PDB file of N, CA and C in Angstrom:
ATOM      1  N   MET A   1     -16.067  13.151  -2.025  1.00  0.00           N
ATOM      2  CA  MET A   1     -15.754  14.472  -1.275  1.00  0.00           C
ATOM      3  C   MET A   1     -14.368  14.395  -0.992  1.00  0.00           C
ATOM      4  N   TRP A   2     -13.828  13.360  -0.243  1.00  0.00           N
ATOM      5  CA  TRP A   2     -12.630  13.305   0.250  1.00  0.00           C
ATOM      6  C   TRP A   2     -11.584  13.494  -0.852  1.00  0.00           C
ATOM      7  N   CYS A   3     -11.766  12.935  -2.026  1.00  0.00           N
ATOM      8  CA  CYS A   3     -10.873  13.253  -3.045  1.00  0.00           C
ATOM      9  C   CYS A   3     -10.521  14.697  -3.648  1.00  0.00           C
ATOM     10  N   PHE A   4     -11.949  15.367  -3.644  1.00  0.00           N
ATOM     11  CA  PHE A   4     -11.727  16.743  -3.975  1.00  0.00           C
ATOM     12  C   PHE A   4     -10.849  17.526  -2.855  1.00  0.00           C
ATOM     13  N   PHE A   5     -11.196  17.125  -1.755  1.00  0.00           N
ATOM     14  CA  PHE A   5     -10.504  17.861  -0.473  1.00  0.00           C
ATOM     15  C   PHE A   5      -8.807  17.531  -0.723  1.00  0.00           C
ATOM     16  N   GLN A   6      -8.645  16.287  -0.936  1.00  0.00           N
ATOM     17  CA  GLN A   6      -7.271  16.025  -1.027  1.00  0.00           C
ATOM     18  C   GLN A   6      -6.531  16.683  -2.201  1.00  0.00           C
ATOM     19  N   LEU A   7      -7.292  16.919  -3.396  1.00  0.00           N
ATOM     20  CA  LEU A   7      -6.758  17.547  -4.431  1.00  0.00           C
ATOM     21  C   LEU A   7      -6.503  19.001  -4.280  1.00  0.00           C
ATOM     22  N   VAL A   8      -7.212  19.673  -3.270  1.00  0.00           N
ATOM     23  CA  VAL A   8      -7.204  20.763  -3.210  1.00  0.00           C
ATOM     24  C   VAL A   8      -6.309  21.209  -1.998  1.00  0.00           C
ATOM     25  N   TYR A   9      -6.661  20.774  -0.917  1.00  0.00           N
ATOM     26  CA  TYR A   9      -5.930  21.230   0.447  1.00  0.00           C
ATOM     27  C   TYR A   9      -4.678  20.827   0.512  1.00  0.00           C
ATOM     28  N   ILE A  10      -4.256  19.636   0.070  1.00  0.00           N
ATOM     29  CA  ILE A  10      -2.709  19.234   0.243  1.00  0.00           C
ATOM     30  C   ILE A  10      -1.883  20.217  -0.467  1.00  0.00           C
ATOM     31  N   PRO A  11      -2.261  20.539  -1.759  1.00  0.00           N
ATOM     32  CA  PRO A  11      -1.275  21.584  -2.540  1.00  0.00           C
ATOM     33  C   PRO A  11      -1.362  22.903  -1.674  1.00  0.00           C
ATOM     34  N   MET A  12      -2.507  23.161  -1.072  1.00  0.00           N
ATOM     35  CA  MET A  12      -2.713  24.664  -0.533  1.00  0.00           C
ATOM     36  C   MET A  12      -1.918  24.633   0.722  1.00  0.00           C
ATOM     37  N   SER A  13      -1.812  23.582   1.461  1.00  0.00           N
ATOM     38  CA  SER A  13      -1.061  23.437   2.555  1.00  0.00           C
ATOM     39  C   SER A  13       0.556  23.503   2.323  1.00  0.00           C
ATOM     40  N   TYR A  14       0.812  22.898   1.137  1.00  0.00           N
ATOM     41  CA  TYR A  14       2.044  23.035   0.823  1.00  0.00           C
ATOM     42  C   TYR A  14       2.693  24.623   0.546  1.00  0.00           C
ATOM     43  N   LEU A  15       1.787  25.179  -0.185  1.00  0.00           N
ATOM     44  CA  LEU A  15       2.049  26.628  -0.625  1.00  0.00           C
ATOM     45  C   LEU A  15       1.999  27.502   0.748  1.00  0.00           C
ATOM     46  N   TYR A  16       1.090  27.250   1.588  1.00  0.00           N
ATOM     47  CA  TYR A  16       1.194  28.008   2.819  1.00  0.00           C
ATOM     48  C   TYR A  16       2.332  27.858   3.692  1.00  0.00           C
ATOM     49  N   SER A  17       2.863  26.622   3.734  1.00  0.00           N
ATOM     50  CA  SER A  17       4.036  26.194   4.581  1.00  0.00           C
ATOM     51  C   SER A  17       5.292  26.823   3.974  1.00  0.00           C
ATOM     52  N   LYS A  18       5.296  26.995   2.629  1.00  0.00           N
ATOM     53  CA  LYS A  18       6.294  27.538   1.983  1.00  0.00           C
ATOM     54  C   LYS A  18       6.266  29.141   1.918  1.00  0.00           C
ATOM     55  N   ARG A  19       5.214  29.538   2.481  1.00  0.00           N
ATOM     56  CA  ARG A  19       4.947  31.065   2.486  1.00  0.00           C
ATOM     57  C   ARG A  19       5.099  31.739   1.083  1.00  0.00           C
ATOM     58  N   PHE A  20       4.434  31.016   0.225  1.00  0.00           N
ATOM     59  CA  PHE A  20       4.319  31.453  -1.408  1.00  0.00           C
ATOM     60  C   PHE A  20       3.789  32.754  -1.375  1.00  0.00           C
ATOM     61  N   VAL A  21       4.276  33.591  -2.160  1.00  0.00           N
ATOM     62  CA  VAL A  21       3.689  34.953  -2.527  1.00  0.00           C
ATOM     63  C   VAL A  21       3.850  35.180  -4.030  1.00  0.00           C
ATOM     64  N   ALA A  22       2.809  35.239  -4.725  1.00  0.00           N
ATOM     65  CA  ALA A  22       2.870  35.396  -6.019  1.00  0.00           C
ATOM     66  C   ALA A  22       3.392  36.996  -6.497  1.00  0.00           C
ATOM     67  N   ARG A  23       3.864  36.979  -7.548  1.00  0.00           N
ATOM     68  CA  ARG A  23       4.226  38.350  -8.115  1.00  0.00           C
ATOM     69  C   ARG A  23       2.964  39.394  -8.238  1.00  0.00           C
ATOM     70  N   ILE A  24       3.350  40.417  -7.646  1.00  0.00           N
ATOM     71  CA  ILE A  24       2.269  41.674  -7.892  1.00  0.00           C
ATOM     72  C   ILE A  24       2.165  42.156  -9.279  1.00  0.00           C
ATOM     73  N   ASN A  25       0.939  42.031  -9.944  1.00  0.00           N
ATOM     74  CA  ASN A  25       0.981  42.534 -11.248  1.00  0.00           C
ATOM     75  C   ASN A  25      -0.504  43.397 -11.345  1.00  0.00           C
ATOM     76  N   PRO A  26      -0.667  44.253 -12.421  1.00  0.00           N
ATOM     77  CA  PRO A  26      -2.002  44.995 -12.436  1.00  0.00           C
ATOM     78  C   PRO A  26      -3.331  44.283 -12.116  1.00  0.00           C
ATOM     79  N   LEU A  27      -3.393  42.871 -12.673  1.00  0.00           N
ATOM     80  CA  LEU A  27      -4.648  42.182 -12.228  1.00  0.00           C
ATOM     81  C   LEU A  27      -4.712  42.098 -10.751  1.00  0.00           C
ATOM     82  N   ILE A  28      -3.653  41.531 -10.265  1.00  0.00           N
ATOM     83  CA  ILE A  28      -3.840  41.332  -8.845  1.00  0.00           C
ATOM     84  C   ILE A  28      -4.196  42.536  -8.062  1.00  0.00           C
ATOM     85  N   LEU A  29      -3.586  43.602  -8.167  1.00  0.00           N
ATOM     86  CA  LEU A  29      -3.809  44.812  -7.736  1.00  0.00           C
ATOM     87  C   LEU A  29      -5.273  45.234  -7.955  1.00  0.00           C
ATOM     88  N   HIS A  30      -5.887  44.961  -9.115  1.00  0.00           N
ATOM     89  CA  HIS A  30      -7.239  45.399  -9.528  1.00  0.00           C
ATOM     90  C   HIS A  30      -8.265  44.545  -8.661  1.00  0.00           C
ATOM     91  N   LEU A  31      -7.865  43.163  -8.568  1.00  0.00           N
ATOM     92  CA  LEU A  31      -8.757  42.269  -7.989  1.00  0.00           C
ATOM     93  C   LEU A  31      -8.661  42.528  -6.248  1.00  0.00           C
ATOM     94  N   GLY A  32      -7.500  43.049  -5.770  1.00  0.00           N
ATOM     95  CA  GLY A  32      -7.500  43.434  -4.543  1.00  0.00           C
ATOM     96  C   GLY A  32      -8.496  44.679  -4.248  1.00  0.00           C
ATOM     97  N   GLU A  33      -8.512  45.724  -5.187  1.00  0.00           N
ATOM     98  CA  GLU A  33      -9.422  46.686  -4.890  1.00  0.00           C
ATOM     99  C   GLU A  33     -10.828  46.153  -4.821  1.00  0.00           C
ATOM    100  N   GLU A  34     -11.066  45.361  -5.734  1.00  0.00           N
ATOM    101  CA  GLU A  34     -12.608  44.926  -5.759  1.00  0.00           C
ATOM    102  C   GLU A  34     -13.037  43.929  -4.494  1.00  0.00           C
ATOM    103  N   ILE A  35     -11.976  43.222  -4.069  1.00  0.00           N
ATOM    104  CA  ILE A  35     -12.335  42.415  -2.860  1.00  0.00           C
ATOM    105  C   ILE A  35     -12.323  43.103  -1.662  1.00  0.00           C
ATOM    106  N   HIS A  36     -11.330  44.031  -1.284  1.00  0.00           N
ATOM    107  CA  HIS A  36     -11.275  44.320   0.049  1.00  0.00           C
ATOM    108  C   HIS A  36     -11.782  45.739  -0.086  1.00  0.00           C
ATOM    109  N   THR A  37     -12.356  45.977   1.211  1.00  0.00           N
ATOM    110  CA  THR A  37     -13.046  47.386   1.498  1.00  0.00           C
ATOM    111  C   THR A  37     -12.189  48.580   1.746  1.00  0.00           C
ATOM    112  N   GLN A  38     -10.894  48.063   2.047  1.00  0.00           N
ATOM    113  CA  GLN A  38     -10.066  49.273   2.361  1.00  0.00           C
ATOM    114  C   GLN A  38      -8.527  48.638   1.613  1.00  0.00           C
ATOM    115  N   PRO A  39      -7.589  49.819   1.318  1.00  0.00           N
ATOM    116  CA  PRO A  39      -6.614  49.460   0.732  1.00  0.00           C
ATOM    117  C   PRO A  39      -5.696  48.313   1.426  1.00  0.00           C
ATOM    118  N   TYR A  40      -5.172  47.383   0.575  1.00  0.00           N
ATOM    119  CA  TYR A  40      -4.584  46.099   1.230  1.00  0.00           C
ATOM    120  C   TYR A  40      -3.622  46.260   1.983  1.00  0.00           C
ATOM    121  N   ASN A  41      -2.680  47.393   1.884  1.00  0.00           N
ATOM    122  CA  ASN A  41      -1.435  47.594   2.616  1.00  0.00           C
ATOM    123  C   ASN A  41      -1.936  48.337   3.838  1.00  0.00           C
ATOM    124  N   LYS A  42      -3.162  48.627   4.201  1.00  0.00           N
ATOM    125  CA  LYS A  42      -3.718  49.284   5.364  1.00  0.00           C
ATOM    126  C   LYS A  42      -4.315  48.399   6.124  1.00  0.00           C
ATOM    127  N   ILE A  43      -4.711  47.112   5.860  1.00  0.00           N
ATOM    128  CA  ILE A  43      -5.273  46.120   6.583  1.00  0.00           C
ATOM    129  C   ILE A  43      -4.445  45.473   7.656  1.00  0.00           C
ATOM    130  N   ILE A  44      -4.845  45.489   9.039  1.00  0.00           N
ATOM    131  CA  ILE A  44      -4.276  44.955   9.962  1.00  0.00           C
ATOM    132  C   ILE A  44      -4.752  43.590  10.091  1.00  0.00           C
ATOM    133  N   TRP A  45      -4.068  42.711   9.585  1.00  0.00           N
ATOM    134  CA  TRP A  45      -4.743  41.327   9.508  1.00  0.00           C
ATOM    135  C   TRP A  45      -4.968  40.614  10.806  1.00  0.00           C
ATOM    136  N   ARG A  46      -4.114  40.940  11.770  1.00  0.00           N
ATOM    137  CA  ARG A  46      -4.445  40.400  13.072  1.00  0.00           C
ATOM    138  C   ARG A  46      -5.641  40.764  13.684  1.00  0.00           C
ATOM    139  N   LYS A  47      -6.173  41.761  13.300  1.00  0.00           N
ATOM    140  CA  LYS A  47      -7.414  42.435  13.880  1.00  0.00           C
ATOM    141  C   LYS A  47      -8.694  41.680  12.926  1.00  0.00           C
ATOM    142  N   VAL A  48      -8.502  41.251  11.725  1.00  0.00           N
ATOM    143  CA  VAL A  48      -9.583  40.822  10.882  1.00  0.00           C
ATOM    144  C   VAL A  48      -9.558  39.389  10.574  1.00  0.00           C
ATOM    145  N   ARG A  49      -8.632  38.550  11.404  1.00  0.00           N
ATOM    146  CA  ARG A  49      -8.394  37.095  11.128  1.00  0.00           C
ATOM    147  C   ARG A  49      -9.848  36.532  11.390  1.00  0.00           C
ATOM    148  N   HIS A  50     -10.786  36.828  12.144  1.00  0.00           N
ATOM    149  CA  HIS A  50     -11.835  36.164  12.346  1.00  0.00           C
ATOM    150  C   HIS A  50     -13.307  36.852  11.717  1.00  0.00           C
ATOM    151  N   LEU A  51     -12.999  37.726  10.934  1.00  0.00           N
ATOM    152  CA  LEU A  51     -14.136  38.389  10.215  1.00  0.00           C
ATOM    153  C   LEU A  51     -14.479  37.390   9.075  1.00  0.00           C
ATOM    154  N   CYS A  52     -15.958  37.377   9.153  1.00  0.00           N
ATOM    155  CA  CYS A  52     -16.450  36.376   8.074  1.00  0.00           C
ATOM    156  C   CYS A  52     -17.811  36.887   7.729  1.00  0.00           C
ATOM    157  N   ALA A  53     -18.355  36.884   6.388  1.00  0.00           N
ATOM    158  CA  ALA A  53     -19.749  37.220   6.133  1.00  0.00           C
ATOM    159  C   ALA A  53     -20.578  36.263   6.741  1.00  0.00           C
ATOM    160  N   LYS A  54     -21.656  36.700   7.278  1.00  0.00           N
ATOM    161  CA  LYS A  54     -22.631  36.003   7.991  1.00  0.00           C
ATOM    162  C   LYS A  54     -23.440  34.915   7.059  1.00  0.00           C
ATOM    163  N   GLU A  55     -23.467  34.943   5.862  1.00  0.00           N
ATOM    164  CA  GLU A  55     -23.806  33.929   4.907  1.00  0.00           C
ATOM    165  C   GLU A  55     -22.621  32.833   4.940  1.00  0.00           C
ATOM    166  N   ASP A  56     -21.615  32.998   5.196  1.00  0.00           N
ATOM    167  CA  ASP A  56     -20.382  31.952   5.238  1.00  0.00           C
ATOM    168  C   ASP A  56     -20.254  31.468   6.461  1.00  0.00           C
ATOM    169  N   LEU A  57     -20.841  31.884   7.623  1.00  0.00           N
ATOM    170  CA  LEU A  57     -20.609  31.489   8.876  1.00  0.00           C
ATOM    171  C   LEU A  57     -21.611  30.695   9.159  1.00  0.00           C
ATOM    172  N   TYR A  58     -21.325  29.274   9.201  1.00  0.00           N
ATOM    173  CA  TYR A  58     -22.453  28.135   9.493  1.00  0.00           C
ATOM    174  C   TYR A  58     -22.631  28.128  10.888  1.00  0.00           C
ATOM    175  N   PHE A  59     -21.635  28.053  11.761  1.00  0.00           N
ATOM    176  CA  PHE A  59     -21.724  28.144  13.247  1.00  0.00           C
ATOM    177  C   PHE A  59     -21.079  29.431  13.764  1.00  0.00           C
ATOM    178  N   PRO A  60     -21.467  30.032  14.725  1.00  0.00           N
ATOM    179  CA  PRO A  60     -21.123  31.194  15.244  1.00  0.00           C
ATOM    180  C   PRO A  60     -19.767  30.790  16.065  1.00  0.00           C
ATOM    181  N   HIS A  61     -18.847  31.562  15.892  1.00  0.00           N
ATOM    182  CA  HIS A  61     -17.492  31.452  16.742  1.00  0.00           C
ATOM    183  C   HIS A  61     -17.764  32.085  18.124  1.00  0.00           C
ATOM    184  N   PHE A  62     -17.446  31.120  19.114  1.00  0.00           N
ATOM    185  CA  PHE A  62     -17.389  31.604  20.551  1.00  0.00           C
ATOM    186  C   PHE A  62     -15.944  32.184  20.785  1.00  0.00           C
ATOM    187  N   LEU A  63     -16.136  33.101  21.750  1.00  0.00           N
ATOM    188  CA  LEU A  63     -14.955  34.017  22.123  1.00  0.00           C
ATOM    189  C   LEU A  63     -13.777  33.097  22.448  1.00  0.00           C
ATOM    190  N   ILE A  64     -14.156  32.123  23.294  1.00  0.00           N
ATOM    191  CA  ILE A  64     -12.954  31.108  23.792  1.00  0.00           C
ATOM    192  C   ILE A  64     -12.434  30.409  22.446  1.00  0.00           C
ATOM    193  N   GLN A  65     -13.122  30.016  21.366  1.00  0.00           N
ATOM    194  CA  GLN A  65     -12.662  29.484  20.210  1.00  0.00           C
ATOM    195  C   GLN A  65     -11.690  30.460  19.653  1.00  0.00           C
ATOM    196  N   ASP A  66     -12.098  31.625  19.446  1.00  0.00           N
ATOM    197  CA  ASP A  66     -10.986  32.535  18.888  1.00  0.00           C
ATOM    198  C   ASP A  66      -9.896  32.843  19.657  1.00  0.00           C
ATOM    199  N   LEU A  67      -9.977  32.863  20.876  1.00  0.00           N
ATOM    200  CA  LEU A  67      -8.877  32.939  21.767  1.00  0.00           C
ATOM    201  C   LEU A  67      -7.770  31.737  21.580  1.00  0.00           C
ATOM    202  N   VAL A  68      -8.524  30.512  21.668  1.00  0.00           N
ATOM    203  CA  VAL A  68      -7.617  29.214  21.472  1.00  0.00           C
ATOM    204  C   VAL A  68      -7.082  29.385  20.003  1.00  0.00           C
ATOM    205  N   TRP A  69      -7.585  29.698  18.887  1.00  0.00           N
ATOM    206  CA  TRP A  69      -7.149  29.721  17.782  1.00  0.00           C
ATOM    207  C   TRP A  69      -5.924  30.843  17.614  1.00  0.00           C
ATOM    208  N   ASP A  70      -6.250  32.116  18.311  1.00  0.00           N
ATOM    209  CA  ASP A  70      -5.257  33.152  18.072  1.00  0.00           C
ATOM    210  C   ASP A  70      -4.119  32.605  19.052  1.00  0.00           C
ATOM    211  N   GLY A  71      -4.192  31.960  20.161  1.00  0.00           N
ATOM    212  CA  GLY A  71      -3.162  31.453  21.089  1.00  0.00           C
ATOM    213  C   GLY A  71      -2.244  30.518  20.315  1.00  0.00           C
ATOM    214  N   ILE A  72      -3.022  29.503  19.737  1.00  0.00           N
ATOM    215  CA  ILE A  72      -2.192  28.441  18.949  1.00  0.00           C
ATOM    216  C   ILE A  72      -1.215  29.318  17.999  1.00  0.00           C
ATOM    217  N   TYR A  73      -1.950  30.125  17.045  1.00  0.00           N
ATOM    218  CA  TYR A  73      -1.339  30.801  16.048  1.00  0.00           C
ATOM    219  C   TYR A  73       0.068  31.623  16.715  1.00  0.00           C
ATOM    220  N   ILE A  74      -0.332  32.406  17.573  1.00  0.00           N
ATOM    221  CA  ILE A  74       0.810  33.334  18.130  1.00  0.00           C
ATOM    222  C   ILE A  74       1.821  32.454  18.964  1.00  0.00           C
ATOM    223  N   PHE A  75       1.520  31.428  19.524  1.00  0.00           N
ATOM    224  CA  PHE A  75       2.614  30.754  20.335  1.00  0.00           C
ATOM    225  C   PHE A  75       3.351  29.464  19.698  1.00  0.00           C
ATOM    226  N   THR A  76       2.645  28.834  18.733  1.00  0.00           N
ATOM    227  CA  THR A  76       3.284  27.750  18.024  1.00  0.00           C
ATOM    228  C   THR A  76       4.069  28.326  16.639  1.00  0.00           C
ATOM    229  N   GLU A  77       3.429  29.328  16.013  1.00  0.00           N
ATOM    230  CA  GLU A  77       4.176  29.649  14.772  1.00  0.00           C
ATOM    231  C   GLU A  77       5.824  30.053  14.970  1.00  0.00           C
ATOM    232  N   PRO A  78       6.126  30.844  16.085  1.00  0.00           N
ATOM    233  CA  PRO A  78       7.531  31.194  16.159  1.00  0.00           C
ATOM    234  C   PRO A  78       8.145  29.678  16.428  1.00  0.00           C
ATOM    235  N   PHE A  79       7.767  28.828  17.193  1.00  0.00           N
ATOM    236  CA  PHE A  79       8.641  27.614  17.441  1.00  0.00           C
ATOM    237  C   PHE A  79       8.648  26.656  16.290  1.00  0.00           C
ATOM    238  N   LEU A  80       7.597  26.619  15.422  1.00  0.00           N
ATOM    239  CA  LEU A  80       7.795  25.792  14.038  1.00  0.00           C
ATOM    240  C   LEU A  80       8.919  26.118  13.096  1.00  0.00           C
ATOM    241  N   THR A  81       9.471  27.437  13.245  1.00  0.00           N
ATOM    242  CA  THR A  81      10.429  27.834  12.505  1.00  0.00           C
ATOM    243  C   THR A  81      11.757  27.618  13.177  1.00  0.00           C
ATOM    244  N   ARG A  82      11.997  27.173  14.144  1.00  0.00           N
ATOM    245  CA  ARG A  82      13.272  26.790  14.877  1.00  0.00           C
ATOM    246  C   ARG A  82      13.446  25.287  15.051  1.00  0.00           C
ATOM    247  N   TRP A  83      14.812  24.993  15.231  1.00  0.00           N
ATOM    248  CA  TRP A  83      15.065  23.711  15.307  1.00  0.00           C
ATOM    249  C   TRP A  83      14.614  23.199  16.660  1.00  0.00           C
ATOM    250  N   PRO A  84      14.250  21.872  16.776  1.00  0.00           N
ATOM    251  CA  PRO A  84      14.180  20.904  15.857  1.00  0.00           C
ATOM    252  C   PRO A  84      12.734  20.920  15.090  1.00  0.00           C
ATOM    253  N   PHE A  85      11.864  21.668  15.204  1.00  0.00           N
ATOM    254  CA  PHE A  85      10.753  21.717  14.530  1.00  0.00           C
ATOM    255  C   PHE A  85      10.710  22.090  13.030  1.00  0.00           C
ATOM    256  N   ASN A  86      11.637  22.914  12.714  1.00  0.00           N
ATOM    257  CA  ASN A  86      11.767  23.196  11.103  1.00  0.00           C
ATOM    258  C   ASN A  86      12.147  21.961  10.460  1.00  0.00           C
ATOM    259  N   LYS A  87      12.836  21.013  11.149  1.00  0.00           N
ATOM    260  CA  LYS A  87      13.161  19.618  10.476  1.00  0.00           C
ATOM    261  C   LYS A  87      12.024  18.811  10.171  1.00  0.00           C
ATOM    262  N   LEU A  88      11.267  18.967  11.204  1.00  0.00           N
ATOM    263  CA  LEU A  88       9.781  18.229  11.038  1.00  0.00           C
ATOM    264  C   LEU A  88       8.819  19.012  10.077  1.00  0.00           C
ATOM    265  N   ARG A  89       9.018  20.255   9.953  1.00  0.00           N
ATOM    266  CA  ARG A  89       8.249  20.884   8.861  1.00  0.00           C
ATOM    267  C   ARG A  89       8.794  20.651   7.520  1.00  0.00           C
ATOM    268  N   GLU A  90      10.137  20.627   7.392  1.00  0.00           N
ATOM    269  CA  GLU A  90      10.594  20.166   6.066  1.00  0.00           C
ATOM    270  C   GLU A  90      10.266  18.635   5.838  1.00  0.00           C
ATOM    271  N   ARG A  91      10.443  17.830   6.653  1.00  0.00           N
ATOM    272  CA  ARG A  91      10.029  16.492   6.418  1.00  0.00           C
ATOM    273  C   ARG A  91       8.582  16.332   6.017  1.00  0.00           C
ATOM    274  N   ALA A  92       7.641  16.987   6.594  1.00  0.00           N
ATOM    275  CA  ALA A  92       6.196  17.154   6.199  1.00  0.00           C
ATOM    276  C   ALA A  92       6.032  17.759   4.865  1.00  0.00           C
ATOM    277  N   LEU A  93       6.872  18.862   4.439  1.00  0.00           N
ATOM    278  CA  LEU A  93       6.524  19.374   3.138  1.00  0.00           C
ATOM    279  C   LEU A  93       7.268  18.373   2.011  1.00  0.00           C
ATOM    280  N   GLU A  94       8.291  17.656   2.417  1.00  0.00           N
ATOM    281  CA  GLU A  94       8.698  16.591   1.389  1.00  0.00           C
ATOM    282  C   GLU A  94       7.655  15.374   1.221  1.00  0.00           C
ATOM    283  N   THR A  95       6.969  15.159   2.298  1.00  0.00           N
ATOM    284  CA  THR A  95       5.859  13.984   2.321  1.00  0.00           C
ATOM    285  C   THR A  95       4.688  14.584   1.529  1.00  0.00           C
ATOM    286  N   THR A  96       4.351  15.900   1.609  1.00  0.00           N
ATOM    287  CA  THR A  96       3.232  16.522   0.890  1.00  0.00           C
ATOM    288  C   THR A  96       3.437  16.596  -0.512  1.00  0.00           C
ATOM    289  N   MET A  97       4.757  17.017  -0.861  1.00  0.00           N
ATOM    290  CA  MET A  97       5.227  16.838  -2.296  1.00  0.00           C
ATOM    291  C   MET A  97       5.126  15.466  -2.840  1.00  0.00           C
ATOM    292  N   LYS A  98       5.400  14.488  -2.224  1.00  0.00           N
ATOM    293  CA  LYS A  98       5.346  13.091  -2.636  1.00  0.00           C
ATOM    294  C   LYS A  98       3.904  12.656  -2.773  1.00  0.00           C
ATOM    295  N   HIS A  99       3.028  13.077  -2.130  1.00  0.00           N
ATOM    296  CA  HIS A  99       1.648  12.911  -2.215  1.00  0.00           C
ATOM    297  C   HIS A  99       0.942  13.520  -3.319  1.00  0.00           C
ATOM    298  N   ILE A 100       1.606  14.762  -3.733  1.00  0.00           N
ATOM    299  CA  ILE A 100       1.107  15.535  -4.946  1.00  0.00           C
ATOM    300  C   ILE A 100       1.653  14.769  -6.070  1.00  0.00           C
ATOM    301  N   HIS A 101       3.043  14.361  -6.087  1.00  0.00           N
ATOM    302  CA  HIS A 101       3.495  13.771  -7.312  1.00  0.00           C
ATOM    303  C   HIS A 101       2.713  12.304  -7.582  1.00  0.00           C
ATOM    304  N   TYR A 102       2.634  11.681  -6.417  1.00  0.00           N
ATOM    305  CA  TYR A 102       1.835  10.392  -6.498  1.00  0.00           C
ATOM    306  C   TYR A 102       0.575  10.482  -7.194  1.00  0.00           C
ATOM    307  N   GLU A 103      -0.261  11.511  -6.926  1.00  0.00           N
ATOM    308  CA  GLU A 103      -1.455  11.789  -7.376  1.00  0.00           C
ATOM    309  C   GLU A 103      -1.371  12.073  -8.778  1.00  0.00           C
ATOM    310  N   ASP A 104      -0.389  12.818  -9.158  1.00  0.00           N
ATOM    311  CA  ASP A 104      -0.267  13.203 -10.694  1.00  0.00           C
ATOM    312  C   ASP A 104       0.021  11.788 -11.378  1.00  0.00           C
ATOM    313  N   GLU A 105       0.840  11.052 -10.808  1.00  0.00           N
ATOM    314  CA  GLU A 105       1.373   9.864 -11.610  1.00  0.00           C
ATOM    315  C   GLU A 105       0.119   8.671 -11.800  1.00  0.00           C
ATOM    316  N   THR A 106      -0.466   8.657 -10.620  1.00  0.00           N
ATOM    317  CA  THR A 106      -1.625   7.563 -10.866  1.00  0.00           C
ATOM    318  C   THR A 106      -2.974   8.147 -11.471  1.00  0.00           C
ATOM    319  N   SER A 107      -2.950   9.430 -11.438  1.00  0.00           N
ATOM    320  CA  SER A 107      -4.161   9.866 -12.380  1.00  0.00           C
ATOM    321  C   SER A 107      -3.550  10.362 -13.941  1.00  0.00           C
ATOM    322  N   ARG A 108      -2.499  10.140 -14.247  1.00  0.00           N
ATOM    323  CA  ARG A 108      -1.819  10.405 -15.344  1.00  0.00           C
ATOM    324  C   ARG A 108      -1.958  11.846 -15.648  1.00  0.00           C
ATOM    325  N   TYR A 109      -1.849  12.653 -14.788  1.00  0.00           N
ATOM    326  CA  TYR A 109      -1.552  13.954 -14.806  1.00  0.00           C
ATOM    327  C   TYR A 109      -2.963  14.702 -15.263  1.00  0.00           C
ATOM    328  N   VAL A 110      -4.109  13.952 -14.997  1.00  0.00           N
ATOM    329  CA  VAL A 110      -5.518  14.483 -15.119  1.00  0.00           C
ATOM    330  C   VAL A 110      -5.836  14.990 -13.882  1.00  0.00           C
ATOM    331  N   ASN A 111      -6.332  16.295 -13.681  1.00  0.00           N
ATOM    332  CA  ASN A 111      -6.599  16.778 -12.461  1.00  0.00           C
ATOM    333  C   ASN A 111      -8.148  17.476 -12.372  1.00  0.00           C
ATOM    334  N   MET A 112      -8.507  17.351 -11.107  1.00  0.00           N
ATOM    335  CA  MET A 112      -9.832  18.231 -10.911  1.00  0.00           C
ATOM    336  C   MET A 112      -9.535  19.501 -10.391  1.00  0.00           C
ATOM    337  N   ALA A 113      -8.570  19.676 -10.063  1.00  0.00           N
ATOM    338  CA  ALA A 113      -8.091  21.150  -9.376  1.00  0.00           C
ATOM    339  C   ALA A 113      -6.893  21.617  -9.856  1.00  0.00           C
ATOM    340  N   SER A 114      -6.939  22.987 -10.339  1.00  0.00           N
ATOM    341  CA  SER A 114      -5.902  23.445 -10.958  1.00  0.00           C
ATOM    342  C   SER A 114      -4.641  23.827  -9.836  1.00  0.00           C
ATOM    343  N   LEU A 115      -5.099  23.829  -8.853  1.00  0.00           N
ATOM    344  CA  LEU A 115      -4.165  24.413  -7.647  1.00  0.00           C
ATOM    345  C   LEU A 115      -2.836  23.416  -7.486  1.00  0.00           C
ATOM    346  N   GLU A 116      -3.083  21.970  -7.799  1.00  0.00           N
ATOM    347  CA  GLU A 116      -1.942  21.164  -7.895  1.00  0.00           C
ATOM    348  C   GLU A 116      -0.763  21.735  -8.710  1.00  0.00           C
ATOM    349  N   LYS A 117      -1.056  22.211  -9.894  1.00  0.00           N
ATOM    350  CA  LYS A 117       0.129  22.561 -10.765  1.00  0.00           C
ATOM    351  C   LYS A 117       0.765  23.843 -10.295  1.00  0.00           C
ATOM    352  N   ILE A 118       0.225  24.605  -9.624  1.00  0.00           N
ATOM    353  CA  ILE A 118       0.932  25.674  -9.031  1.00  0.00           C
ATOM    354  C   ILE A 118       1.853  25.471  -8.068  1.00  0.00           C
ATOM    355  N   ALA A 119       1.785  24.464  -7.342  1.00  0.00           N
ATOM    356  CA  ALA A 119       2.591  23.854  -6.208  1.00  0.00           C
ATOM    357  C   ALA A 119       3.927  23.380  -6.988  1.00  0.00           C
ATOM    358  N   LEU A 120       3.790  23.120  -8.107  1.00  0.00           N
ATOM    359  CA  LEU A 120       5.106  22.416  -8.688  1.00  0.00           C
ATOM    360  C   LEU A 120       5.869  23.562  -9.338  1.00  0.00           C
TER     361      LEU A 120
END
């Protein structure tokens, strides 16, 4: 189980940290129409952060938990983009990419998850 998490979430964290955005094409627009209940550009993401299908919610979120998550996001995210924290972030990104390359080299570029190749 750890191997799968490592193969999937390390590249995902790299893409998230880089604020990666894919090019919009007709397929992505069509998928967005199918997935979202309202137009994508009308969604206020701050308000829908904690929405989840009841089938996917293993444990209910307490209000205090949502407040802590929101507080951490609102107050820490601006600081992480400023000096000296942005240097720490860049170093973490370098280390993450080293982990991705190490996994590629030790597995001879045979992967269980396709997300790793997107990050390169």
